[in-house]
N, C-alpha and C. Protein backbone atom coordinates (compact mmCIF):
# COMPACT_ATOMS: atom_id res chain seq x y z
N MET A 1 1.00 -1.10 0.16
CA MET A 1 -0.13 0.00 0.17
C MET A 1 1.08 1.04 -0.14
N THR A 2 0.53 2.30 -1.32
CA THR A 2 1.32 3.00 -1.04
C THR A 2 0.56 4.08 -0.06
N PRO A 3 1.27 5.32 0.39
CA PRO A 3 0.48 6.00 0.94
C PRO A 3 -0.15 7.38 0.07
N ASP A 4 -1.26 7.84 0.20
CA ASP A 4 -2.04 8.69 -0.50
C ASP A 4 -1.43 10.16 -0.07
N PRO A 5 -0.67 10.98 -1.29
CA PRO A 5 -0.12 11.76 -0.84
C PRO A 5 -1.03 12.90 -0.44
N SER A 6 -2.04 12.79 -0.65
CA SER A 6 -3.20 14.00 -0.24
C SER A 6 -3.91 13.99 0.82
N ALA A 7 -3.23 12.63 1.62
CA ALA A 7 -3.95 12.68 2.56
C ALA A 7 -2.56 12.30 4.04
N ALA A 8 -1.26 12.89 3.43
CA ALA A 8 0.03 11.99 4.21
C ALA A 8 0.09 13.47 5.07
N PRO A 9 1.12 13.04 5.89
CA PRO A 9 1.53 14.22 7.02
C PRO A 9 3.01 14.94 6.34
N GLU A 10 3.53 15.87 7.00
CA GLU A 10 4.67 16.66 6.56
C GLU A 10 5.60 15.60 6.57
N GLY A 11 6.18 15.56 5.50
CA GLY A 11 7.89 14.50 5.62
C GLY A 11 7.69 13.42 4.81
N THR A 12 6.02 12.62 4.35
CA THR A 12 5.92 11.71 4.05
C THR A 12 6.90 11.22 2.66
N ARG A 13 7.16 10.28 2.85
CA ARG A 13 8.23 9.50 1.30
C ARG A 13 7.17 8.82 0.95
N ASN A 14 7.17 8.47 -0.46
CA ASN A 14 6.66 7.06 -1.14
C ASN A 14 7.74 5.80 -0.89
N PRO A 15 7.36 4.60 -0.46
CA PRO A 15 8.24 4.10 -0.02
C PRO A 15 8.66 3.14 -1.64
N PRO A 16 9.98 2.65 -1.95
CA PRO A 16 10.29 2.23 -3.13
C PRO A 16 9.55 0.94 -3.11
N GLU A 17 9.64 0.79 -4.81
CA GLU A 17 8.90 -0.38 -5.17
C GLU A 17 9.28 -1.78 -4.31
N THR A 18 10.70 -1.87 -4.28
CA THR A 18 11.41 -2.87 -3.59
C THR A 18 11.26 -2.86 -2.54
N GLU A 19 10.54 -1.96 -1.69
CA GLU A 19 10.71 -1.97 -0.22
C GLU A 19 9.97 -3.49 0.62
N THR A 20 10.72 -4.31 1.47
CA THR A 20 10.28 -5.24 1.95
C THR A 20 8.97 -5.21 2.63
N PRO A 21 8.15 -6.34 2.19
CA PRO A 21 6.96 -6.32 3.18
C PRO A 21 6.76 -5.99 4.61
N PRO A 22 5.76 -5.35 5.11
CA PRO A 22 6.17 -5.09 6.46
C PRO A 22 5.80 -6.36 7.04
N VAL A 23 6.38 -6.43 8.50
CA VAL A 23 6.10 -7.49 9.38
C VAL A 23 5.06 -7.13 10.45
N LEU A 24 4.31 -7.93 10.75
CA LEU A 24 3.00 -7.28 12.20
C LEU A 24 3.55 -7.60 13.18
N ASP A 25 3.52 -6.46 13.72
CA ASP A 25 3.71 -6.29 15.42
C ASP A 25 2.54 -6.75 15.91
N GLU A 26 2.53 -7.82 16.76
CA GLU A 26 1.37 -8.47 17.04
C GLU A 26 0.99 -8.02 18.24
N ALA A 27 1.89 -6.86 19.20
CA ALA A 27 1.97 -6.43 20.26
C ALA A 27 0.76 -5.18 20.09
N LEU A 28 0.48 -4.58 18.85
CA LEU A 28 -0.41 -3.64 18.70
C LEU A 28 -1.92 -3.93 18.14
N LEU A 29 -2.14 -5.18 18.10
CA LEU A 29 -3.21 -5.90 18.05
C LEU A 29 -4.26 -5.99 19.31
N ASP A 30 -5.76 -5.84 19.32
CA ASP A 30 -6.32 -6.17 20.27
C ASP A 30 -6.78 -7.56 20.64
N ALA A 31 -6.94 -7.87 21.95
CA ALA A 31 -7.45 -9.34 22.08
C ALA A 31 -8.21 -9.90 21.17
N ASP A 32 -9.29 -8.97 20.82
CA ASP A 32 -9.93 -9.90 19.41
C ASP A 32 -9.45 -10.36 18.08
N GLY A 33 -7.92 -9.98 18.17
CA GLY A 33 -7.27 -10.09 16.94
C GLY A 33 -7.15 -9.19 15.55
N SER A 34 -8.31 -8.12 15.79
CA SER A 34 -7.93 -6.95 14.91
C SER A 34 -7.22 -6.02 15.64
N LEU A 35 -6.90 -4.93 14.35
CA LEU A 35 -6.28 -3.76 14.39
C LEU A 35 -7.37 -2.72 14.76
N TYR A 36 -7.16 -2.07 15.82
CA TYR A 36 -7.66 -0.77 15.60
C TYR A 36 -7.20 0.62 15.64
N VAL A 37 -7.31 1.67 15.11
CA VAL A 37 -6.67 2.61 14.94
C VAL A 37 -7.99 3.94 15.22
N PHE A 38 -7.10 4.23 16.36
CA PHE A 38 -7.66 5.50 17.01
C PHE A 38 -7.55 6.79 15.81
N ALA A 39 -8.93 7.72 15.26
CA ALA A 39 -8.93 8.65 14.32
C ALA A 39 -9.22 9.86 15.19
N TYR A 40 -8.74 10.73 15.21
CA TYR A 40 -9.37 12.14 15.71
C TYR A 40 -9.01 13.05 15.10
N GLY A 41 -8.63 12.95 13.60
CA GLY A 41 -8.61 13.99 12.48
C GLY A 41 -8.78 13.84 11.41
N SER A 42 -7.55 13.98 10.52
CA SER A 42 -8.14 13.91 9.08
C SER A 42 -8.26 11.85 8.60
N LEU A 43 -7.86 11.00 9.62
CA LEU A 43 -8.14 9.87 9.41
C LEU A 43 -9.68 9.83 9.47
N ILE A 44 -10.09 10.25 10.25
CA ILE A 44 -11.95 10.28 10.47
C ILE A 44 -12.72 10.26 8.87
N TRP A 45 -11.78 11.36 8.48
CA TRP A 45 -12.35 11.62 6.99
C TRP A 45 -11.57 11.46 5.57
N LYS A 46 -10.36 10.82 5.94
CA LYS A 46 -9.44 10.31 4.61
C LYS A 46 -8.40 9.35 5.33
N PRO A 47 -9.08 8.03 5.66
CA PRO A 47 -8.03 7.20 6.34
C PRO A 47 -7.06 6.75 5.55
N GLY A 48 -7.60 6.57 4.01
CA GLY A 48 -6.27 5.79 3.10
C GLY A 48 -6.34 4.97 2.91
N PHE A 49 -7.11 3.69 3.96
CA PHE A 49 -7.09 2.56 3.91
C PHE A 49 -8.27 1.75 4.10
N ALA A 50 -8.70 0.60 3.68
CA ALA A 50 -9.99 -0.16 3.88
C ALA A 50 -10.43 -0.29 5.38
N VAL A 51 -11.50 -0.14 5.69
CA VAL A 51 -11.71 -0.59 6.95
C VAL A 51 -12.71 -1.74 7.03
N GLU A 52 -12.68 -2.59 8.41
CA GLU A 52 -13.61 -3.41 8.43
C GLU A 52 -14.84 -2.76 8.97
N GLY A 53 -14.64 -1.94 9.81
CA GLY A 53 -15.88 -1.24 10.64
C GLY A 53 -15.30 0.30 11.19
N ALA A 54 -16.27 0.96 11.45
CA ALA A 54 -15.70 2.44 12.26
C ALA A 54 -16.96 2.16 13.44
N HIS A 55 -16.19 2.47 14.44
CA HIS A 55 -17.09 2.65 15.91
C HIS A 55 -17.05 4.14 16.65
N PRO A 56 -17.65 4.87 16.65
CA PRO A 56 -17.68 5.89 17.59
C PRO A 56 -16.94 5.32 18.92
N ALA A 57 -15.82 6.28 19.13
CA ALA A 57 -15.02 5.96 20.04
C ALA A 57 -14.70 7.07 21.27
N LEU A 58 -14.32 6.62 22.59
CA LEU A 58 -13.81 8.01 23.70
C LEU A 58 -12.85 7.30 24.15
N LEU A 59 -11.41 8.39 23.72
CA LEU A 59 -10.18 8.07 24.68
C LEU A 59 -10.07 8.93 25.59
N ARG A 60 -9.69 8.07 26.62
CA ARG A 60 -9.50 9.17 27.96
C ARG A 60 -8.02 9.52 28.22
N GLY A 61 -7.60 10.59 29.14
CA GLY A 61 -6.08 10.93 29.26
C GLY A 61 -5.73 11.96 28.11
N TYR A 62 -6.25 12.22 27.03
CA TYR A 62 -5.69 12.74 25.86
C TYR A 62 -6.59 13.44 25.50
N HIS A 63 -6.78 14.70 24.95
CA HIS A 63 -7.31 15.86 24.00
C HIS A 63 -6.88 16.07 22.60
N ARG A 64 -7.58 16.38 21.77
CA ARG A 64 -7.10 16.94 20.69
C ARG A 64 -6.83 18.23 20.37
N ARG A 65 -5.93 18.59 19.55
CA ARG A 65 -5.67 19.97 19.84
C ARG A 65 -4.60 20.39 18.67
N PHE A 66 -4.74 21.55 18.08
CA PHE A 66 -3.91 22.15 16.77
C PHE A 66 -2.74 22.54 17.98
N CYS A 67 -1.63 21.85 17.69
CA CYS A 67 -0.47 22.03 18.65
C CYS A 67 0.79 21.71 18.02
N ILE A 68 0.85 21.09 16.54
CA ILE A 68 2.10 20.84 15.83
C ILE A 68 2.25 21.85 14.08
N ARG A 69 3.35 22.54 14.10
CA ARG A 69 3.27 23.48 13.15
C ARG A 69 3.74 22.70 11.76
N SER A 70 3.09 23.06 10.84
CA SER A 70 3.09 22.43 9.47
C SER A 70 3.90 23.40 8.35
N THR A 71 4.76 23.39 7.90
CA THR A 71 5.67 24.12 6.98
C THR A 71 5.47 23.58 5.88
N ARG A 72 4.61 22.49 5.38
CA ARG A 72 4.93 21.73 4.23
C ARG A 72 3.31 22.20 3.44
N TYR A 73 2.85 20.99 4.25
CA TYR A 73 1.35 20.29 3.75
C TYR A 73 0.41 21.53 4.02
N ARG A 74 0.17 22.39 5.22
CA ARG A 74 -0.74 22.75 5.24
C ARG A 74 0.04 24.18 5.88
N GLY A 75 1.20 24.80 5.40
CA GLY A 75 1.68 25.66 5.74
C GLY A 75 3.07 26.13 4.71
N THR A 76 3.76 26.81 4.90
CA THR A 76 5.18 27.33 4.43
C THR A 76 6.17 27.89 5.83
N PRO A 77 7.78 28.05 5.37
CA PRO A 77 8.38 28.13 6.67
C PRO A 77 8.13 29.66 6.84
N GLU A 78 7.57 30.18 5.97
CA GLU A 78 7.51 32.13 6.03
C GLU A 78 5.78 32.08 6.76
N ARG A 79 5.32 30.85 6.57
CA ARG A 79 3.81 31.04 7.32
C ARG A 79 3.36 29.94 7.64
N PRO A 80 4.20 29.48 8.42
CA PRO A 80 3.54 27.95 9.46
C PRO A 80 1.85 27.88 9.25
N GLY A 81 1.04 26.63 9.27
CA GLY A 81 0.15 26.36 9.66
C GLY A 81 0.00 25.74 10.77
N LEU A 82 -0.97 24.80 11.55
CA LEU A 82 -1.11 24.04 12.79
C LEU A 82 -1.96 22.87 11.94
N VAL A 83 -1.77 21.52 12.64
CA VAL A 83 -2.28 20.34 12.36
C VAL A 83 -2.50 19.62 13.91
N LEU A 84 -3.48 19.17 13.96
CA LEU A 84 -3.89 18.14 15.14
C LEU A 84 -2.75 17.22 15.56
N GLY A 85 -2.70 16.93 16.70
CA GLY A 85 -1.95 15.70 17.46
C GLY A 85 -2.70 15.61 18.76
N LEU A 86 -2.84 14.43 19.68
CA LEU A 86 -3.29 14.28 20.95
C LEU A 86 -2.33 14.86 21.82
N ASP A 87 -2.80 15.54 22.58
CA ASP A 87 -1.75 15.91 23.75
C ASP A 87 -2.81 16.04 24.98
N ARG A 88 -1.52 15.60 26.20
CA ARG A 88 -2.07 15.24 27.60
C ARG A 88 -3.58 15.41 27.89
N GLY A 89 -4.03 14.88 28.98
CA GLY A 89 -5.10 15.41 29.50
C GLY A 89 -6.53 15.71 29.00
N GLY A 90 -7.16 15.71 29.82
CA GLY A 90 -8.83 15.53 29.12
C GLY A 90 -9.58 14.09 28.59
N ALA A 91 -10.21 14.57 27.67
CA ALA A 91 -10.84 13.44 26.77
C ALA A 91 -11.08 13.42 25.54
N CYS A 92 -11.14 12.54 24.43
CA CYS A 92 -11.19 12.74 23.23
C CYS A 92 -12.05 11.76 22.62
N ARG A 93 -13.29 12.16 22.14
CA ARG A 93 -14.14 11.54 20.99
C ARG A 93 -13.80 11.36 19.56
N GLY A 94 -13.59 10.27 19.38
CA GLY A 94 -13.01 10.11 17.79
C GLY A 94 -13.96 9.03 17.13
N VAL A 95 -12.84 8.09 16.28
CA VAL A 95 -13.21 6.98 15.42
C VAL A 95 -12.86 5.65 15.72
N ALA A 96 -12.98 4.68 15.95
CA ALA A 96 -12.16 3.68 16.22
C ALA A 96 -11.98 2.97 14.77
N LEU A 97 -11.28 2.98 14.05
CA LEU A 97 -11.08 2.35 12.87
C LEU A 97 -10.53 0.61 12.95
N ARG A 98 -11.68 -0.21 12.53
CA ARG A 98 -11.42 -1.69 12.84
C ARG A 98 -10.54 -2.27 11.38
N VAL A 99 -9.58 -2.75 11.30
CA VAL A 99 -8.42 -3.40 10.27
C VAL A 99 -8.28 -4.91 10.60
N ALA A 100 -8.76 -5.72 9.38
CA ALA A 100 -8.84 -7.04 9.75
C ALA A 100 -7.25 -7.65 9.92
N ARG A 101 -6.96 -8.43 10.94
CA ARG A 101 -5.60 -8.90 10.62
C ARG A 101 -4.68 -9.07 9.85
N SER A 102 -5.63 -10.04 8.60
CA SER A 102 -5.03 -10.15 7.34
C SER A 102 -4.24 -8.87 6.55
N ARG A 103 -5.06 -7.71 7.03
CA ARG A 103 -4.30 -6.31 6.68
C ARG A 103 -3.64 -5.34 7.54
N ALA A 104 -3.62 -6.07 8.88
CA ALA A 104 -2.76 -5.27 9.72
C ALA A 104 -1.22 -4.76 9.42
N ALA A 105 -0.54 -5.62 9.30
CA ALA A 105 1.04 -5.31 8.80
C ALA A 105 1.13 -4.23 7.62
N GLU A 106 0.37 -4.62 6.50
CA GLU A 106 0.27 -3.22 5.36
C GLU A 106 -0.26 -2.18 6.16
N VAL A 107 -1.43 -1.84 6.62
CA VAL A 107 -2.11 -0.52 6.82
C VAL A 107 -0.70 0.14 8.52
N LEU A 108 -0.51 -0.73 8.90
CA LEU A 108 0.60 -0.44 10.07
C LEU A 108 1.89 0.26 9.27
N GLY A 109 1.91 0.00 7.87
CA GLY A 109 3.44 0.53 7.52
C GLY A 109 2.78 1.70 6.66
N TYR A 110 1.85 1.47 6.08
CA TYR A 110 1.11 2.81 5.63
C TYR A 110 1.10 4.04 6.42
N LEU A 111 0.42 3.55 7.76
CA LEU A 111 0.79 4.78 8.78
C LEU A 111 1.62 5.32 9.32
N HIS A 112 2.66 4.17 9.50
CA HIS A 112 4.43 4.63 9.70
C HIS A 112 4.58 5.86 8.89
N GLU A 113 4.65 5.73 7.82
CA GLU A 113 4.75 6.52 6.87
C GLU A 113 3.80 7.74 6.52
N ARG A 114 3.00 7.63 7.12
CA ARG A 114 1.76 8.90 6.88
C ARG A 114 2.34 9.99 8.26
N GLU A 115 2.33 8.82 9.48
CA GLU A 115 1.70 9.68 10.68
C GLU A 115 3.48 9.99 11.15
N MET A 116 4.65 8.65 11.07
CA MET A 116 5.68 8.93 11.94
C MET A 116 7.03 9.68 11.29
N SER A 117 6.83 10.14 10.03
CA SER A 117 8.08 10.33 9.00
C SER A 117 8.61 11.89 9.33
N GLY A 118 7.72 12.42 10.36
CA GLY A 118 7.61 13.75 10.45
C GLY A 118 8.45 13.94 11.58
N GLY A 119 8.53 13.44 12.56
CA GLY A 119 8.99 13.51 13.92
C GLY A 119 8.33 14.21 14.78
N SER A 120 7.09 14.31 14.91
CA SER A 120 5.94 15.15 15.98
C SER A 120 5.01 13.72 16.38
N TYR A 121 5.37 12.58 16.45
CA TYR A 121 4.47 11.78 17.01
C TYR A 121 4.89 10.75 17.67
N HIS A 122 4.19 10.01 18.61
CA HIS A 122 4.47 8.95 19.38
C HIS A 122 3.55 7.76 18.68
N GLN A 123 3.86 6.49 18.27
CA GLN A 123 2.69 5.56 18.23
C GLN A 123 2.74 5.04 19.35
N MET A 124 1.39 4.98 19.89
CA MET A 124 1.04 4.44 21.40
C MET A 124 0.27 3.20 21.29
N ARG A 125 0.20 2.52 22.06
CA ARG A 125 -1.27 1.27 22.23
C ARG A 125 -2.11 1.70 23.15
N LEU A 126 -3.43 1.98 23.11
CA LEU A 126 -4.07 2.88 24.42
C LEU A 126 -5.80 2.29 24.22
N LYS A 127 -6.16 2.04 25.42
CA LYS A 127 -7.36 1.62 25.72
C LYS A 127 -8.47 2.61 24.83
N VAL A 128 -9.47 2.54 24.24
CA VAL A 128 -10.48 3.47 23.93
C VAL A 128 -11.84 2.66 24.27
N ARG A 129 -12.91 3.26 24.35
CA ARG A 129 -13.93 2.56 24.44
C ARG A 129 -14.81 2.89 23.55
N LEU A 130 -15.55 1.59 22.72
CA LEU A 130 -16.37 1.72 21.34
C LEU A 130 -17.79 1.80 22.12
N LEU A 131 -18.07 3.16 22.17
CA LEU A 131 -19.36 3.65 22.44
C LEU A 131 -20.82 2.88 21.85
N ASP A 132 -20.65 2.32 20.60
CA ASP A 132 -21.58 1.49 19.98
C ASP A 132 -21.54 0.19 20.58
N GLU A 133 -20.84 -0.14 21.21
CA GLU A 133 -20.85 -1.63 21.45
C GLU A 133 -20.62 -1.96 23.37
N GLY A 134 -20.38 -0.54 23.98
CA GLY A 134 -19.80 -0.69 25.19
C GLY A 134 -18.73 -1.56 25.72
N ARG A 135 -17.46 -1.53 24.92
CA ARG A 135 -16.65 -2.25 25.14
C ARG A 135 -15.52 -1.73 24.90
N ASP A 136 -14.16 -2.42 25.87
CA ASP A 136 -13.04 -1.58 25.65
C ASP A 136 -12.09 -2.27 24.65
N VAL A 137 -11.30 -1.37 23.58
CA VAL A 137 -10.23 -2.42 22.58
C VAL A 137 -8.91 -1.53 23.20
N CYS A 138 -7.90 -2.11 22.64
CA CYS A 138 -6.71 -1.52 22.40
C CYS A 138 -6.66 -1.01 21.17
N ALA A 139 -6.04 0.20 20.79
CA ALA A 139 -6.10 1.05 19.62
C ALA A 139 -4.66 1.29 19.59
N VAL A 140 -4.56 1.52 18.11
CA VAL A 140 -2.87 2.45 17.64
C VAL A 140 -3.65 3.76 17.74
N ALA A 141 -2.56 4.86 18.39
CA ALA A 141 -3.15 6.38 18.30
C ALA A 141 -1.83 6.88 18.27
N TYR A 142 -1.97 8.22 17.70
CA TYR A 142 -0.75 9.11 17.56
C TYR A 142 -0.64 10.37 18.25
N VAL A 143 0.45 10.18 19.39
CA VAL A 143 0.40 11.16 20.74
C VAL A 143 1.30 12.33 19.99
N VAL A 144 0.96 13.32 20.14
CA VAL A 144 2.34 14.34 19.70
C VAL A 144 3.47 14.06 20.80
N ASP A 145 4.79 14.31 20.26
CA ASP A 145 5.76 14.35 20.92
C ASP A 145 6.22 15.58 21.50
N ARG A 146 6.08 16.02 22.46
CA ARG A 146 6.55 17.15 23.34
C ARG A 146 8.21 17.91 23.06
N ARG A 147 8.42 16.63 22.74
CA ARG A 147 10.09 17.43 22.46
C ARG A 147 10.25 17.53 20.91
N SER A 148 9.37 17.68 20.24
CA SER A 148 9.74 17.93 18.79
C SER A 148 9.61 19.10 18.57
N ASP A 149 10.61 19.62 17.63
CA ASP A 149 10.52 21.31 17.11
C ASP A 149 9.45 21.51 16.69
N THR A 150 8.73 20.47 15.99
CA THR A 150 7.11 21.16 15.64
C THR A 150 6.12 21.34 16.79
N TYR A 151 6.23 20.86 17.79
CA TYR A 151 5.25 21.17 19.20
C TYR A 151 5.01 22.32 19.59
N CYS A 152 4.40 23.31 19.28
CA CYS A 152 3.98 24.76 19.72
C CYS A 152 2.60 24.52 20.66
N ALA A 153 2.43 24.32 21.78
CA ALA A 153 1.33 24.43 22.74
C ALA A 153 1.35 25.62 23.37
N GLY A 154 2.14 27.00 23.01
CA GLY A 154 2.01 28.14 23.44
C GLY A 154 1.12 29.14 23.08
N LEU A 155 0.32 28.63 21.82
CA LEU A 155 -0.51 29.94 21.38
C LEU A 155 -1.76 29.91 21.68
N GLY A 156 -2.30 31.28 22.05
CA GLY A 156 -3.49 31.50 22.45
C GLY A 156 -4.86 31.19 21.14
N PRO A 157 -5.82 31.11 21.34
CA PRO A 157 -6.76 30.60 19.97
C PRO A 157 -7.09 31.73 19.47
N ASP A 158 -6.56 32.98 19.51
CA ASP A 158 -6.45 34.18 18.37
C ASP A 158 -5.13 33.75 17.55
N GLU A 159 -4.17 33.67 18.28
CA GLU A 159 -2.99 33.42 17.28
C GLU A 159 -3.08 32.21 16.88
N ALA A 160 -3.57 31.03 17.23
CA ALA A 160 -3.62 29.51 16.58
C ALA A 160 -4.53 30.07 15.63
N ALA A 161 -6.04 30.76 15.43
CA ALA A 161 -6.67 30.59 14.38
C ALA A 161 -6.12 31.92 13.39
N ARG A 162 -5.40 32.43 13.70
CA ARG A 162 -4.82 33.13 12.56
C ARG A 162 -3.74 32.37 11.95
N ALA A 163 -3.08 32.05 12.23
CA ALA A 163 -2.33 30.93 11.71
C ALA A 163 -2.62 29.79 10.94
N ILE A 164 -3.88 29.35 11.30
CA ILE A 164 -4.73 28.18 10.65
C ILE A 164 -5.46 28.98 9.44
N GLY A 165 -6.01 30.21 9.71
CA GLY A 165 -6.71 30.98 8.68
C GLY A 165 -5.78 31.60 7.33
N LEU A 166 -4.47 31.69 7.81
CA LEU A 166 -3.30 31.80 6.76
C LEU A 166 -2.80 30.83 6.41
N GLY A 167 -2.56 29.83 6.86
CA GLY A 167 -1.90 28.83 6.06
C GLY A 167 -2.32 28.00 5.06
N VAL A 168 -1.30 27.88 4.50
CA VAL A 168 -1.26 27.01 2.76
C VAL A 168 -0.36 26.50 2.42
N GLY A 169 -0.41 25.38 2.30
CA GLY A 169 0.82 24.04 1.84
C GLY A 169 0.46 23.18 1.02
N ALA A 170 0.91 22.55 0.52
CA ALA A 170 1.10 21.51 -0.58
C ALA A 170 0.00 21.16 -0.67
N MET A 171 -0.98 20.63 0.36
CA MET A 171 -2.35 20.12 0.43
C MET A 171 -3.19 21.02 0.58
N GLY A 172 -3.16 21.88 0.73
CA GLY A 172 -4.28 22.91 0.53
C GLY A 172 -4.26 23.91 1.85
N SER A 173 -5.29 24.59 2.06
CA SER A 173 -5.49 25.65 3.16
C SER A 173 -5.40 24.69 4.20
N ASN A 174 -4.81 25.68 5.37
CA ASN A 174 -4.93 25.12 6.77
C ASN A 174 -6.54 25.27 7.32
N ARG A 175 -7.00 26.59 6.69
CA ARG A 175 -8.53 26.49 6.92
C ARG A 175 -9.70 25.57 6.54
N ASP A 176 -9.34 24.69 5.34
CA ASP A 176 -10.15 23.74 5.05
C ASP A 176 -10.10 22.60 5.77
N TYR A 177 -8.65 22.18 6.37
CA TYR A 177 -8.19 21.27 7.13
C TYR A 177 -9.26 21.44 8.21
N LEU A 178 -8.90 22.86 9.12
CA LEU A 178 -10.15 23.17 9.97
C LEU A 178 -11.13 22.50 10.33
N LEU A 179 -11.82 23.32 8.72
CA LEU A 179 -13.47 23.15 9.09
C LEU A 179 -13.82 21.88 8.40
N ASN A 180 -12.93 21.30 7.56
CA ASN A 180 -13.34 19.56 7.65
C ASN A 180 -13.77 18.65 8.52
N THR A 181 -12.46 19.00 9.61
CA THR A 181 -12.61 18.11 10.96
C THR A 181 -13.96 18.61 11.54
N VAL A 182 -14.18 19.83 11.62
CA VAL A 182 -15.05 20.17 12.39
C VAL A 182 -16.49 19.96 11.80
N SER A 183 -16.53 19.77 10.54
CA SER A 183 -17.80 19.03 9.94
C SER A 183 -17.95 17.57 10.00
N GLN A 184 -16.93 17.03 10.05
CA GLN A 184 -16.82 15.57 9.99
C GLN A 184 -17.38 15.25 11.67
N LEU A 185 -16.64 15.89 12.52
CA LEU A 185 -17.10 15.48 14.07
C LEU A 185 -18.68 15.86 14.37
N ARG A 186 -18.78 16.96 13.55
CA ARG A 186 -20.33 17.48 13.62
C ARG A 186 -21.50 16.46 13.24
N ALA A 187 -20.95 15.63 11.75
CA ALA A 187 -21.78 14.34 11.63
C ALA A 187 -21.78 13.40 12.36
N LEU A 188 -20.83 12.95 13.39
CA LEU A 188 -20.69 12.03 14.50
C LEU A 188 -21.38 12.35 15.71
N GLY A 189 -22.07 13.48 15.29
CA GLY A 189 -22.58 14.44 16.59
C GLY A 189 -21.60 14.52 17.76
N VAL A 190 -20.59 14.97 17.44
CA VAL A 190 -19.15 15.42 18.58
C VAL A 190 -19.30 17.21 18.18
N ARG A 191 -19.48 17.74 19.21
CA ARG A 191 -19.12 19.30 19.27
C ARG A 191 -17.63 19.51 19.75
N ASP A 192 -16.67 19.69 19.14
CA ASP A 192 -15.37 20.00 20.27
C ASP A 192 -15.14 21.73 20.06
N ALA A 193 -15.29 22.00 21.67
CA ALA A 193 -15.31 23.51 21.63
C ALA A 193 -14.28 24.10 21.32
N ALA A 194 -13.19 23.75 21.73
CA ALA A 194 -11.98 24.39 21.12
C ALA A 194 -11.64 24.37 19.40
N LEU A 195 -12.02 23.46 19.24
CA LEU A 195 -12.49 23.29 17.81
C LEU A 195 -13.10 24.45 16.89
N GLU A 196 -14.30 24.42 17.38
CA GLU A 196 -15.23 25.11 17.21
C GLU A 196 -14.80 26.65 17.49
N ARG A 197 -14.37 26.97 18.46
CA ARG A 197 -13.93 28.34 18.67
C ARG A 197 -12.86 28.73 17.62
N LEU A 198 -11.92 28.04 17.27
CA LEU A 198 -10.76 28.00 16.18
C LEU A 198 -11.76 28.61 15.08
N ALA A 199 -12.73 27.60 14.86
CA ALA A 199 -13.44 27.99 13.44
C ALA A 199 -13.84 29.24 13.11
N ASP A 200 -14.59 29.68 14.54
CA ASP A 200 -15.25 31.23 14.57
C ASP A 200 -14.09 32.61 14.91
N LEU A 201 -13.07 32.12 15.21
CA LEU A 201 -12.05 33.10 14.96
C LEU A 201 -11.53 33.10 13.78
N LEU A 202 -11.55 32.18 12.88
CA LEU A 202 -10.94 32.42 11.65
C LEU A 202 -10.87 33.69 11.24
N PRO A 203 -9.73 34.50 10.35
CA PRO A 203 -9.80 35.83 9.86
C PRO A 203 -10.46 35.80 8.62
N PRO A 204 -11.14 36.86 8.04
CA PRO A 204 -11.73 36.48 7.00
C PRO A 204 -10.81 35.79 5.87
N VAL A 205 -11.72 35.57 4.52
CA VAL A 205 -10.54 34.41 3.62
C VAL A 205 -10.23 35.80 2.85
N GLY A 206 -8.75 35.83 2.72
CA GLY A 206 -8.18 36.69 1.91
C GLY A 206 -7.42 38.00 2.79
N ALA A 207 -7.50 37.76 3.87
CA ALA A 207 -7.12 38.62 5.45
C ALA A 207 -5.46 38.08 5.11
N ALA A 208 -4.56 39.05 5.19
CA ALA A 208 -3.09 38.89 5.17
C ALA A 208 -2.22 39.58 6.40
N SER A 209 -1.43 38.96 7.21
CA SER A 209 -0.71 39.30 8.22
C SER A 209 0.56 39.04 8.73
N GLY A 210 1.69 39.91 8.85
CA GLY A 210 2.61 39.16 8.98
C GLY A 210 3.13 38.57 10.41
N ASP A 211 2.41 38.99 11.40
CA ASP A 211 2.51 38.32 12.69
C ASP A 211 1.86 37.17 12.50
N ASN A 212 3.07 35.80 12.81
CA ASN A 212 2.38 34.33 12.68
C ASN A 212 3.25 34.01 13.68
N ARG A 213 2.75 33.58 14.74
CA ARG A 213 3.99 33.10 15.68
C ARG A 213 4.06 31.76 15.86
N ALA A 214 3.53 30.72 15.11
CA ALA A 214 3.43 29.65 14.86
C ALA A 214 4.74 29.24 14.29
N GLY A 215 5.24 30.43 13.67
CA GLY A 215 6.26 30.13 13.05
C GLY A 215 7.96 30.58 13.67
N GLU A 216 7.78 30.95 15.00
CA GLU A 216 8.63 31.43 15.56
C GLU A 216 10.09 30.51 15.76
N LYS A 217 10.16 29.48 16.17
CA LYS A 217 11.02 28.16 16.45
C LYS A 217 11.47 27.61 14.97
N PRO A 218 12.67 27.21 15.14
CA PRO A 218 13.17 26.80 13.42
C PRO A 218 12.35 25.56 13.60
N ASP A 219 11.91 25.18 12.09
CA ASP A 219 10.89 23.78 12.13
C ASP A 219 11.38 22.58 11.30
N ARG A 220 11.09 21.06 11.83
CA ARG A 220 11.87 20.11 10.93
C ARG A 220 10.69 19.82 9.90
N LYS A 221 9.75 18.57 10.32
CA LYS A 221 8.47 18.47 9.48
C LYS A 221 7.52 18.57 10.44
N SER A 222 6.31 18.55 9.98
CA SER A 222 5.07 18.29 10.68
C SER A 222 3.86 17.78 9.70
N ARG A 223 2.85 17.16 10.36
CA ARG A 223 2.06 16.44 9.79
C ARG A 223 0.99 17.38 9.23
N GLY A 224 0.49 16.86 8.08
CA GLY A 224 -0.44 18.09 7.56
C GLY A 224 -1.93 17.26 6.84
């Protein structure tokens, strides 16, 4: 499976044709034998792989946050955008994507390319609650690496909305990334107050500003 560049994170490369087939890490599977992937942002609306099922899910101990700078796919070095990560504290409503064991190795390889090549995330196996089935499963989730150069938790809502409103990268506008996520969450019956506030604070389309604090630190790579 070659990563879909339109869904890929900052820094993703396409694997060579001769790449060794991925080996399944059994430790990442749930006890029922399936692979679950916790989707909280673009994986909800563009996973890039076939799923056996999609379950509304709750992850405790982490929250969804625009806390990763993007200078390629949703911004530029001169005008960085912001993309989502899971950060410590609170809880997060999302979707647990179920993948058949026979496809798990392939999907994990794809996700490694999509999420991990930019140096902004940790891949973790976390317990999530399947809200439609009332049971817990272990899911792969991508949690922000607070040591990464791309981590920027210090922006207030106004500054973050300005960066998102002005950011445009190789995969399109940062504004669309935010609004698509808000729209998909609403379709799931989820109202994320922090994201809804950012959407309300977006500057008018076509606005320009030289003040974009999302780009204050030197950047490596970030998800888009």
